Amino acid sequence: MTGKERAMNPAEDDARPQARLKPVLVVRELSAVFPNGLAGLKALDRLTFSVYPQEFVCVLGPSGSGKSTLLLILSRLLPPSEGEVYYQGRPLSRPQREIGL
């Protein structure tokens, strides 16, 4: 397989940064539910993703889709209803000085 063919097949491309680096931020099965008198309003439902060093990430969506809720949880200004958040390999359990909003 030539280098060009390998680059076109991401499953076999071990040169990707994610294959070598550890993620800075890991979000697993993150959910946020706000009480509304009934079953609750789901702002986030089992969201999972990782962010690697030098990666640029954008959060886009319509009004009411959970963007601000996600940022508040990642800054630990709001606890998640379910799920886990890891920052630099450790559980994110309280606000950190290096995380700003």
PDB file of N, CA and C in Angstrom:
ATOM      1  N   MET A   1       0.856  -1.184   0.000  1.00  0.00           N
ATOM      2  CA  MET A   1       0.000   0.000   0.000  1.00  0.00           C
ATOM      3  C   MET A   1       0.890   1.232   0.000  1.00  0.00           C
ATOM      4  N   THR A   2       0.608   2.160  -0.875  1.00  0.00           N
ATOM      5  CA  THR A   2       1.404   3.388  -0.966  1.00  0.00           C
ATOM      6  C   THR A   2       1.006   4.351   0.146  1.00  0.00           C
ATOM      7  N   GLY A   3       1.825   5.359   0.367  1.00  0.00           N
ATOM      8  CA  GLY A   3       1.522   6.367   1.386  1.00  0.00           C
ATOM      9  C   GLY A   3       0.224   7.096   1.095  1.00  0.00           C
ATOM     10  N   LYS A   4      -0.037   7.350  -0.201  1.00  0.00           N
ATOM     11  CA  LYS A   4      -1.263   8.037  -0.580  1.00  0.00           C
ATOM     12  C   LYS A   4      -2.487   7.179  -0.263  1.00  0.00           C
ATOM     13  N   GLU A   5      -2.401   5.871  -0.556  1.00  0.00           N
ATOM     14  CA  GLU A   5      -3.513   4.971  -0.252  1.00  0.00           C
ATOM     15  C   GLU A   5      -3.727   4.862   1.255  1.00  0.00           C
ATOM     16  N   ARG A   6      -2.643   4.846   2.021  1.00  0.00           N
ATOM     17  CA  ARG A   6      -2.760   4.740   3.475  1.00  0.00           C
ATOM     18  C   ARG A   6      -3.439   5.982   4.044  1.00  0.00           C
ATOM     19  N   ALA A   7      -3.099   7.170   3.525  1.00  0.00           N
ATOM     20  CA  ALA A   7      -3.701   8.412   4.013  1.00  0.00           C
ATOM     21  C   ALA A   7      -5.196   8.455   3.712  1.00  0.00           C
ATOM     22  N   MET A   8      -5.626   7.786   2.656  1.00  0.00           N
ATOM     23  CA  MET A   8      -7.035   7.770   2.309  1.00  0.00           C
ATOM     24  C   MET A   8      -7.824   6.771   3.143  1.00  0.00           C
ATOM     25  N   ASN A   9      -7.131   5.907   3.880  1.00  0.00           N
ATOM     26  CA  ASN A   9      -7.789   4.902   4.702  1.00  0.00           C
ATOM     27  C   ASN A   9      -7.489   5.200   6.170  1.00  0.00           C
ATOM     28  N   PRO A  10      -8.322   6.018   6.852  1.00  0.00           N
ATOM     29  CA  PRO A  10      -8.026   6.421   8.231  1.00  0.00           C
ATOM     30  C   PRO A  10      -7.946   5.260   9.204  1.00  0.00           C
ATOM     31  N   ALA A  11      -8.591   4.140   8.912  1.00  0.00           N
ATOM     32  CA  ALA A  11      -8.542   3.001   9.830  1.00  0.00           C
ATOM     33  C   ALA A  11      -7.133   2.444   9.944  1.00  0.00           C
ATOM     34  N   GLU A  12      -6.313   2.631   8.894  1.00  0.00           N
ATOM     35  CA  GLU A  12      -4.959   2.100   8.906  1.00  0.00           C
ATOM     36  C   GLU A  12      -3.907   3.186   9.075  1.00  0.00           C
ATOM     37  N   ASP A  13      -4.326   4.415   9.287  1.00  0.00           N
ATOM     38  CA  ASP A  13      -3.392   5.536   9.372  1.00  0.00           C
ATOM     39  C   ASP A  13      -3.010   5.790  10.820  1.00  0.00           C
ATOM     40  N   ASP A  14      -1.907   5.170  11.274  1.00  0.00           N
ATOM     41  CA  ASP A  14      -1.454   5.350  12.650  1.00  0.00           C
ATOM     42  C   ASP A  14      -0.656   6.635  12.820  1.00  0.00           C
ATOM     43  N   ALA A  15      -0.525   7.432  11.761  1.00  0.00           N
ATOM     44  CA  ALA A  15       0.195   8.693  11.854  1.00  0.00           C
ATOM     45  C   ALA A  15      -0.693   9.810  12.382  1.00  0.00           C
ATOM     46  N   ARG A  16      -1.979   9.539  12.596  1.00  0.00           N
ATOM     47  CA  ARG A  16      -2.881  10.559  13.119  1.00  0.00           C
ATOM     48  C   ARG A  16      -2.460  10.935  14.534  1.00  0.00           C
ATOM     49  N   PRO A  17      -2.565  12.221  14.918  1.00  0.00           N
ATOM     50  CA  PRO A  17      -2.175  12.637  16.270  1.00  0.00           C
ATOM     51  C   PRO A  17      -2.913  11.875  17.360  1.00  0.00           C
ATOM     52  N   GLN A  18      -4.195  11.560  17.160  1.00  0.00           N
ATOM     53  CA  GLN A  18      -4.978  10.871  18.181  1.00  0.00           C
ATOM     54  C   GLN A  18      -4.428   9.475  18.477  1.00  0.00           C
ATOM     55  N   ALA A  19      -3.721   8.866  17.516  1.00  0.00           N
ATOM     56  CA  ALA A  19      -3.168   7.535  17.730  1.00  0.00           C
ATOM     57  C   ALA A  19      -1.974   7.582  18.679  1.00  0.00           C
ATOM     58  N   ARG A  20      -1.345   8.756  18.829  1.00  0.00           N
ATOM     59  CA  ARG A  20      -0.141   8.866  19.658  1.00  0.00           C
ATOM     60  C   ARG A  20      -0.344   9.642  20.949  1.00  0.00           C
ATOM     61  N   LEU A  21      -1.274  10.586  20.964  1.00  0.00           N
ATOM     62  CA  LEU A  21      -1.435  11.483  22.103  1.00  0.00           C
ATOM     63  C   LEU A  21      -2.579  11.058  23.001  1.00  0.00           C
ATOM     64  N   LYS A  22      -2.469  11.423  24.268  1.00  0.00           N
ATOM     65  CA  LYS A  22      -3.564  11.199  25.207  1.00  0.00           C
ATOM     66  C   LYS A  22      -4.496  12.404  25.150  1.00  0.00           C
ATOM     67  N   PRO A  23      -5.795  12.177  25.264  1.00  0.00           N
ATOM     68  CA  PRO A  23      -6.721  13.308  25.221  1.00  0.00           C
ATOM     69  C   PRO A  23      -6.570  14.207  26.445  1.00  0.00           C
ATOM     70  N   VAL A  24      -6.796  15.494  26.242  1.00  0.00           N
ATOM     71  CA  VAL A  24      -6.776  16.466  27.335  1.00  0.00           C
ATOM     72  C   VAL A  24      -8.116  16.435  28.068  1.00  0.00           C
ATOM     73  N   LEU A  25      -9.174  16.214  27.302  1.00  0.00           N
ATOM     74  CA  LEU A  25     -10.523  16.212  27.855  1.00  0.00           C
ATOM     75  C   LEU A  25     -11.262  14.981  27.333  1.00  0.00           C
ATOM     76  N   VAL A  26     -11.885  14.244  28.238  1.00  0.00           N
ATOM     77  CA  VAL A  26     -12.690  13.080  27.865  1.00  0.00           C
ATOM     78  C   VAL A  26     -14.059  13.232  28.508  1.00  0.00           C
ATOM     79  N   VAL A  27     -15.088  13.142  27.685  1.00  0.00           N
ATOM     80  CA  VAL A  27     -16.479  13.218  28.148  1.00  0.00           C
ATOM     81  C   VAL A  27     -17.129  11.886  27.807  1.00  0.00           C
ATOM     82  N   ARG A  28     -17.705  11.222  28.811  1.00  0.00           N
ATOM     83  CA  ARG A  28     -18.319   9.903  28.606  1.00  0.00           C
ATOM     84  C   ARG A  28     -19.757   9.889  29.093  1.00  0.00           C
ATOM     85  N   GLU A  29     -20.663   9.577  28.177  1.00  0.00           N
ATOM     86  CA  GLU A  29     -22.078   9.358  28.507  1.00  0.00           C
ATOM     87  C   GLU A  29     -22.667  10.508  29.334  1.00  0.00           C
ATOM     88  N   LEU A  30     -22.329  11.735  28.971  1.00  0.00           N
ATOM     89  CA  LEU A  30     -22.756  12.916  29.716  1.00  0.00           C
ATOM     90  C   LEU A  30     -24.213  13.255  29.426  1.00  0.00           C
ATOM     91  N   SER A  31     -24.996  13.381  30.484  1.00  0.00           N
ATOM     92  CA  SER A  31     -26.404  13.774  30.364  1.00  0.00           C
ATOM     93  C   SER A  31     -26.707  14.890  31.340  1.00  0.00           C
ATOM     94  N   ALA A  32     -27.631  15.752  30.933  1.00  0.00           N
ATOM     95  CA  ALA A  32     -28.113  16.824  31.805  1.00  0.00           C
ATOM     96  C   ALA A  32     -29.628  16.883  31.654  1.00  0.00           C
ATOM     97  N   VAL A  33     -30.315  16.747  32.777  1.00  0.00           N
ATOM     98  CA  VAL A  33     -31.772  16.791  32.782  1.00  0.00           C
ATOM     99  C   VAL A  33     -32.205  17.847  33.788  1.00  0.00           C
ATOM    100  N   PHE A  34     -33.067  18.754  33.347  1.00  0.00           N
ATOM    101  CA  PHE A  34     -33.587  19.802  34.221  1.00  0.00           C
ATOM    102  C   PHE A  34     -35.032  19.480  34.576  1.00  0.00           C
ATOM    103  N   PRO A  35     -35.390  19.587  35.857  1.00  0.00           N
ATOM    104  CA  PRO A  35     -36.775  19.307  36.247  1.00  0.00           C
ATOM    105  C   PRO A  35     -37.732  20.311  35.612  1.00  0.00           C
ATOM    106  N   ASN A  36     -38.858  19.818  35.119  1.00  0.00           N
ATOM    107  CA  ASN A  36     -39.869  20.709  34.551  1.00  0.00           C
ATOM    108  C   ASN A  36     -41.272  20.304  34.991  1.00  0.00           C
ATOM    109  N   GLY A  37     -41.367  19.572  36.088  1.00  0.00           N
ATOM    110  CA  GLY A  37     -42.668  19.175  36.610  1.00  0.00           C
ATOM    111  C   GLY A  37     -43.146  17.832  36.102  1.00  0.00           C
ATOM    112  N   LEU A  38     -42.584  17.353  35.009  1.00  0.00           N
ATOM    113  CA  LEU A  38     -42.971  16.053  34.464  1.00  0.00           C
ATOM    114  C   LEU A  38     -41.768  15.108  34.538  1.00  0.00           C
ATOM    115  N   ALA A  39     -41.359  14.594  33.425  1.00  0.00           N
ATOM    116  CA  ALA A  39     -40.224  13.671  33.387  1.00  0.00           C
ATOM    117  C   ALA A  39     -38.883  14.405  33.372  1.00  0.00           C
ATOM    118  N   GLY A  40     -38.876  15.677  33.106  1.00  0.00           N
ATOM    119  CA  GLY A  40     -37.652  16.456  33.035  1.00  0.00           C
ATOM    120  C   GLY A  40     -37.299  16.794  31.605  1.00  0.00           C
ATOM    121  N   LEU A  41     -36.562  17.883  31.438  1.00  0.00           N
ATOM    122  CA  LEU A  41     -36.140  18.350  30.131  1.00  0.00           C
ATOM    123  C   LEU A  41     -34.696  17.918  29.908  1.00  0.00           C
ATOM    124  N   LYS A  42     -34.448  17.096  28.895  1.00  0.00           N
ATOM    125  CA  LYS A  42     -33.099  16.624  28.597  1.00  0.00           C
ATOM    126  C   LYS A  42     -32.371  17.675  27.775  1.00  0.00           C
ATOM    127  N   ALA A  43     -31.334  18.247  28.360  1.00  0.00           N
ATOM    128  CA  ALA A  43     -30.505  19.214  27.633  1.00  0.00           C
ATOM    129  C   ALA A  43     -29.374  18.493  26.909  1.00  0.00           C
ATOM    130  N   LEU A  44     -28.844  17.444  27.522  1.00  0.00           N
ATOM    131  CA  LEU A  44     -27.799  16.603  26.928  1.00  0.00           C
ATOM    132  C   LEU A  44     -28.172  15.152  27.177  1.00  0.00           C
ATOM    133  N   ASP A  45     -27.933  14.311  26.197  1.00  0.00           N
ATOM    134  CA  ASP A  45     -28.310  12.904  26.329  1.00  0.00           C
ATOM    135  C   ASP A  45     -27.168  11.996  25.894  1.00  0.00           C
ATOM    136  N   ARG A  46     -26.416  11.482  26.855  1.00  0.00           N
ATOM    137  CA  ARG A  46     -25.333  10.509  26.664  1.00  0.00           C
ATOM    138  C   ARG A  46     -24.283  10.972  25.650  1.00  0.00           C
ATOM    139  N   LEU A  47     -23.806  12.175  25.836  1.00  0.00           N
ATOM    140  CA  LEU A  47     -22.800  12.777  24.958  1.00  0.00           C
ATOM    141  C   LEU A  47     -21.424  12.202  25.294  1.00  0.00           C
ATOM    142  N   THR A  48     -20.685  11.763  24.265  1.00  0.00           N
ATOM    143  CA  THR A  48     -19.353  11.204  24.443  1.00  0.00           C
ATOM    144  C   THR A  48     -18.424  11.791  23.391  1.00  0.00           C
ATOM    145  N   PHE A  49     -17.258  12.309  23.827  1.00  0.00           N
ATOM    146  CA  PHE A  49     -16.239  12.793  22.893  1.00  0.00           C
ATOM    147  C   PHE A  49     -14.932  12.995  23.645  1.00  0.00           C
ATOM    148  N   SER A  50     -13.852  13.169  22.900  1.00  0.00           N
ATOM    149  CA  SER A  50     -12.523  13.456  23.449  1.00  0.00           C
ATOM    150  C   SER A  50     -11.927  14.633  22.701  1.00  0.00           C
ATOM    151  N   VAL A  51     -11.097  15.398  23.395  1.00  0.00           N
ATOM    152  CA  VAL A  51     -10.375  16.521  22.793  1.00  0.00           C
ATOM    153  C   VAL A  51      -8.888  16.286  23.042  1.00  0.00           C
ATOM    154  N   TYR A  52      -8.120  16.345  21.958  1.00  0.00           N
ATOM    155  CA  TYR A  52      -6.692  16.071  22.031  1.00  0.00           C
ATOM    156  C   TYR A  52      -5.890  17.370  22.023  1.00  0.00           C
ATOM    157  N   PRO A  53      -4.621  17.330  22.480  1.00  0.00           N
ATOM    158  CA  PRO A  53      -3.788  18.532  22.479  1.00  0.00           C
ATOM    159  C   PRO A  53      -3.736  19.165  21.085  1.00  0.00           C
ATOM    160  N   GLN A  54      -3.774  20.483  21.054  1.00  0.00           N
ATOM    161  CA  GLN A  54      -3.696  21.305  19.848  1.00  0.00           C
ATOM    162  C   GLN A  54      -4.894  21.121  18.917  1.00  0.00           C
ATOM    163  N   GLU A  55      -5.961  20.503  19.398  1.00  0.00           N
ATOM    164  CA  GLU A  55      -7.174  20.374  18.611  1.00  0.00           C
ATOM    165  C   GLU A  55      -8.052  21.594  18.841  1.00  0.00           C
ATOM    166  N   PHE A  56      -8.734  22.037  17.821  1.00  0.00           N
ATOM    167  CA  PHE A  56      -9.658  23.164  17.909  1.00  0.00           C
ATOM    168  C   PHE A  56     -11.063  22.589  17.787  1.00  0.00           C
ATOM    169  N   VAL A  57     -11.909  22.861  18.780  1.00  0.00           N
ATOM    170  CA  VAL A  57     -13.252  22.287  18.808  1.00  0.00           C
ATOM    171  C   VAL A  57     -14.281  23.404  18.850  1.00  0.00           C
ATOM    172  N   CYS A  58     -15.321  23.259  18.064  1.00  0.00           N
ATOM    173  CA  CYS A  58     -16.423  24.217  18.012  1.00  0.00           C
ATOM    174  C   CYS A  58     -17.701  23.503  18.442  1.00  0.00           C
ATOM    175  N   VAL A  59     -18.522  24.174  19.230  1.00  0.00           N
ATOM    176  CA  VAL A  59     -19.826  23.631  19.627  1.00  0.00           C
ATOM    177  C   VAL A  59     -20.888  24.482  18.938  1.00  0.00           C
ATOM    178  N   LEU A  60     -21.616  23.853  18.027  1.00  0.00           N
ATOM    179  CA  LEU A  60     -22.626  24.552  17.247  1.00  0.00           C
ATOM    180  C   LEU A  60     -23.980  23.893  17.432  1.00  0.00           C
ATOM    181  N   GLY A  61     -25.027  24.679  17.367  1.00  0.00           N
ATOM    182  CA  GLY A  61     -26.377  24.135  17.441  1.00  0.00           C
ATOM    183  C   GLY A  61     -27.386  25.243  17.622  1.00  0.00           C
ATOM    184  N   PRO A  62     -28.639  24.918  17.397  1.00  0.00           N
ATOM    185  CA  PRO A  62     -29.682  25.934  17.556  1.00  0.00           C
ATOM    186  C   PRO A  62     -29.905  26.294  19.022  1.00  0.00           C
ATOM    187  N   SER A  63     -30.626  27.353  19.222  1.00  0.00           N
ATOM    188  CA  SER A  63     -30.981  27.782  20.571  1.00  0.00           C
ATOM    189  C   SER A  63     -31.692  26.635  21.296  1.00  0.00           C
ATOM    190  N   GLY A  64     -31.267  26.394  22.533  1.00  0.00           N
ATOM    191  CA  GLY A  64     -31.908  25.356  23.335  1.00  0.00           C
ATOM    192  C   GLY A  64     -31.368  23.961  23.112  1.00  0.00           C
ATOM    193  N   SER A  65     -30.259  23.830  22.380  1.00  0.00           N
ATOM    194  CA  SER A  65     -29.729  22.493  22.090  1.00  0.00           C
ATOM    195  C   SER A  65     -28.747  21.970  23.136  1.00  0.00           C
ATOM    196  N   GLY A  66     -28.370  22.790  24.134  1.00  0.00           N
ATOM    197  CA  GLY A  66     -27.501  22.324  25.210  1.00  0.00           C
ATOM    198  C   GLY A  66     -26.077  22.828  25.160  1.00  0.00           C
ATOM    199  N   LYS A  67     -25.771  23.779  24.294  1.00  0.00           N
ATOM    200  CA  LYS A  67     -24.402  24.300  24.182  1.00  0.00           C
ATOM    201  C   LYS A  67     -23.919  24.919  25.491  1.00  0.00           C
ATOM    202  N   SER A  68     -24.696  25.822  26.048  1.00  0.00           N
ATOM    203  CA  SER A  68     -24.301  26.486  27.301  1.00  0.00           C
ATOM    204  C   SER A  68     -24.280  25.495  28.455  1.00  0.00           C
ATOM    205  N   THR A  69     -25.213  24.570  28.471  1.00  0.00           N
ATOM    206  CA  THR A  69     -25.231  23.539  29.510  1.00  0.00           C
ATOM    207  C   THR A  69     -23.952  22.723  29.462  1.00  0.00           C
ATOM    208  N   LEU A  70     -23.516  22.338  28.265  1.00  0.00           N
ATOM    209  CA  LEU A  70     -22.268  21.590  28.117  1.00  0.00           C
ATOM    210  C   LEU A  70     -21.094  22.390  28.657  1.00  0.00           C
ATOM    211  N   LEU A  71     -20.987  23.661  28.295  1.00  0.00           N
ATOM    212  CA  LEU A  71     -19.874  24.487  28.766  1.00  0.00           C
ATOM    213  C   LEU A  71     -19.908  24.680  30.278  1.00  0.00           C
ATOM    214  N   LEU A  72     -21.089  24.837  30.842  1.00  0.00           N
ATOM    215  CA  LEU A  72     -21.202  24.970  32.300  1.00  0.00           C
ATOM    216  C   LEU A  72     -20.771  23.696  33.016  1.00  0.00           C
ATOM    217  N   ILE A  73     -21.098  22.539  32.444  1.00  0.00           N
ATOM    218  CA  ILE A  73     -20.672  21.272  33.041  1.00  0.00           C
ATOM    219  C   ILE A  73     -19.166  21.097  32.898  1.00  0.00           C
ATOM    220  N   LEU A  74     -18.613  21.430  31.731  1.00  0.00           N
ATOM    221  CA  LEU A  74     -17.168  21.290  31.519  1.00  0.00           C
ATOM    222  C   LEU A  74     -16.368  22.241  32.397  1.00  0.00           C
ATOM    223  N   SER A  75     -16.952  23.348  32.794  1.00  0.00           N
ATOM    224  CA  SER A  75     -16.274  24.275  33.712  1.00  0.00           C
ATOM    225  C   SER A  75     -16.590  23.935  35.165  1.00  0.00           C
ATOM    226  N   ARG A  76     -17.434  22.952  35.378  1.00  0.00           N
ATOM    227  CA  ARG A  76     -17.890  22.465  36.694  1.00  0.00           C
ATOM    228  C   ARG A  76     -18.689  23.514  37.460  1.00  0.00           C
ATOM    229  N   LEU A  77     -19.310  24.421  36.745  1.00  0.00           N
ATOM    230  CA  LEU A  77     -20.222  25.361  37.392  1.00  0.00           C
ATOM    231  C   LEU A  77     -21.615  24.745  37.517  1.00  0.00           C
ATOM    232  N   LEU A  78     -21.822  23.612  36.844  1.00  0.00           N
ATOM    233  CA  LEU A  78     -23.079  22.871  36.889  1.00  0.00           C
ATOM    234  C   LEU A  78     -22.735  21.386  36.913  1.00  0.00           C
ATOM    235  N   PRO A  79     -23.299  20.617  37.835  1.00  0.00           N
ATOM    236  CA  PRO A  79     -22.997  19.180  37.845  1.00  0.00           C
ATOM    237  C   PRO A  79     -23.817  18.460  36.768  1.00  0.00           C
ATOM    238  N   PRO A  80     -23.255  17.409  36.167  1.00  0.00           N
ATOM    239  CA  PRO A  80     -24.040  16.638  35.203  1.00  0.00           C
ATOM    240  C   PRO A  80     -25.064  15.760  35.923  1.00  0.00           C
ATOM    241  N   SER A  81     -26.133  15.411  35.244  1.00  0.00           N
ATOM    242  CA  SER A  81     -27.098  14.469  35.806  1.00  0.00           C
ATOM    243  C   SER A  81     -26.516  13.064  35.791  1.00  0.00           C
ATOM    244  N   GLU A  82     -25.780  12.746  34.736  1.00  0.00           N
ATOM    245  CA  GLU A  82     -25.103  11.453  34.593  1.00  0.00           C
ATOM    246  C   GLU A  82     -23.849  11.655  33.766  1.00  0.00           C
ATOM    247  N   GLY A  83     -22.945  10.715  33.864  1.00  0.00           N
ATOM    248  CA  GLY A  83     -21.756  10.719  33.024  1.00  0.00           C
ATOM    249  C   GLY A  83     -20.512  11.159  33.756  1.00  0.00           C
ATOM    250  N   GLU A  84     -19.418  11.150  33.006  1.00  0.00           N
ATOM    251  CA  GLU A  84     -18.106  11.456  33.574  1.00  0.00           C
ATOM    252  C   GLU A  84     -17.371  12.449  32.687  1.00  0.00           C
ATOM    253  N   VAL A  85     -16.578  13.299  33.326  1.00  0.00           N
ATOM    254  CA  VAL A  85     -15.710  14.232  32.610  1.00  0.00           C
ATOM    255  C   VAL A  85     -14.314  14.088  33.215  1.00  0.00           C
ATOM    256  N   TYR A  86     -13.320  13.872  32.335  1.00  0.00           N
ATOM    257  CA  TYR A  86     -11.934  13.754  32.770  1.00  0.00           C
ATOM    258  C   TYR A  86     -11.128  14.865  32.122  1.00  0.00           C
ATOM    259  N   TYR A  87     -10.329  15.550  32.926  1.00  0.00           N
ATOM    260  CA  TYR A  87      -9.456  16.613  32.448  1.00  0.00           C
ATOM    261  C   TYR A  87      -8.022  16.223  32.780  1.00  0.00           C
ATOM    262  N   GLN A  88      -7.187  16.124  31.777  1.00  0.00           N
ATOM    263  CA  GLN A  88      -5.789  15.704  31.923  1.00  0.00           C
ATOM    264  C   GLN A  88      -5.684  14.384  32.682  1.00  0.00           C
ATOM    265  N   GLY A  89      -6.569  13.461  32.360  1.00  0.00           N
ATOM    266  CA  GLY A  89      -6.517  12.113  32.928  1.00  0.00           C
ATOM    267  C   GLY A  89      -7.156  11.943  34.289  1.00  0.00           C
ATOM    268  N   ARG A  90      -7.646  13.018  34.885  1.00  0.00           N
ATOM    269  CA  ARG A  90      -8.263  12.938  36.217  1.00  0.00           C
ATOM    270  C   ARG A  90      -9.729  13.355  36.163  1.00  0.00           C
ATOM    271  N   PRO A  91     -10.549  12.750  37.017  1.00  0.00           N
ATOM    272  CA  PRO A  91     -11.967  13.161  37.037  1.00  0.00           C
ATOM    273  C   PRO A  91     -12.089  14.649  37.357  1.00  0.00           C
ATOM    274  N   LEU A  92     -12.943  15.322  36.627  1.00  0.00           N
ATOM    275  CA  LEU A  92     -13.179  16.746  36.845  1.00  0.00           C
ATOM    276  C   LEU A  92     -14.321  16.867  37.854  1.00  0.00           C
ATOM    277  N   SER A  93     -13.967  17.175  39.092  1.00  0.00           N
ATOM    278  CA  SER A  93     -14.966  17.189  40.162  1.00  0.00           C
ATOM    279  C   SER A  93     -15.233  18.578  40.724  1.00  0.00           C
ATOM    280  N   ARG A  94     -14.393  19.559  40.379  1.00  0.00           N
ATOM    281  CA  ARG A  94     -14.587  20.924  40.863  1.00  0.00           C
ATOM    282  C   ARG A  94     -14.003  21.888  39.844  1.00  0.00           C
ATOM    283  N   PRO A  95     -14.350  23.161  39.939  1.00  0.00           N
ATOM    284  CA  PRO A  95     -13.776  24.129  38.983  1.00  0.00           C
ATOM    285  C   PRO A  95     -12.254  24.135  39.035  1.00  0.00           C
ATOM    286  N   GLN A  96     -11.629  24.340  37.879  1.00  0.00           N
ATOM    287  CA  GLN A  96     -10.175  24.404  37.767  1.00  0.00           C
ATOM    288  C   GLN A  96      -9.770  25.799  37.308  1.00  0.00           C
ATOM    289  N   ARG A  97      -8.656  26.302  37.819  1.00  0.00           N
ATOM    290  CA  ARG A  97      -8.192  27.643  37.449  1.00  0.00           C
ATOM    291  C   ARG A  97      -7.887  27.776  35.976  1.00  0.00           C
ATOM    292  N   GLU A  98      -7.414  26.683  35.364  1.00  0.00           N
ATOM    293  CA  GLU A  98      -7.030  26.751  33.943  1.00  0.00           C
ATOM    294  C   GLU A  98      -8.204  26.578  32.979  1.00  0.00           C
ATOM    295  N   ILE A  99      -9.425  26.416  33.501  1.00  0.00           N
ATOM    296  CA  ILE A  99     -10.616  26.310  32.681  1.00  0.00           C
ATOM    297  C   ILE A  99     -11.437  27.564  32.854  1.00  0.00           C
ATOM    298  N   GLY A 100     -11.628  28.309  31.775  1.00  0.00           N
ATOM    299  CA  GLY A 100     -12.396  29.553  31.850  1.00  0.00           C
ATOM    300  C   GLY A 100     -13.624  29.487  30.964  1.00  0.00           C
ATOM    301  N   LEU A 101     -14.585  30.313  31.310  1.00  0.00           N
ATOM    302  CA  LEU A 101     -15.828  30.360  30.534  1.00  0.00           C
ATOM    303  C   LEU A 101     -16.224  31.803  30.340  1.00  0.00           C
TER     304      LEU A 101
END
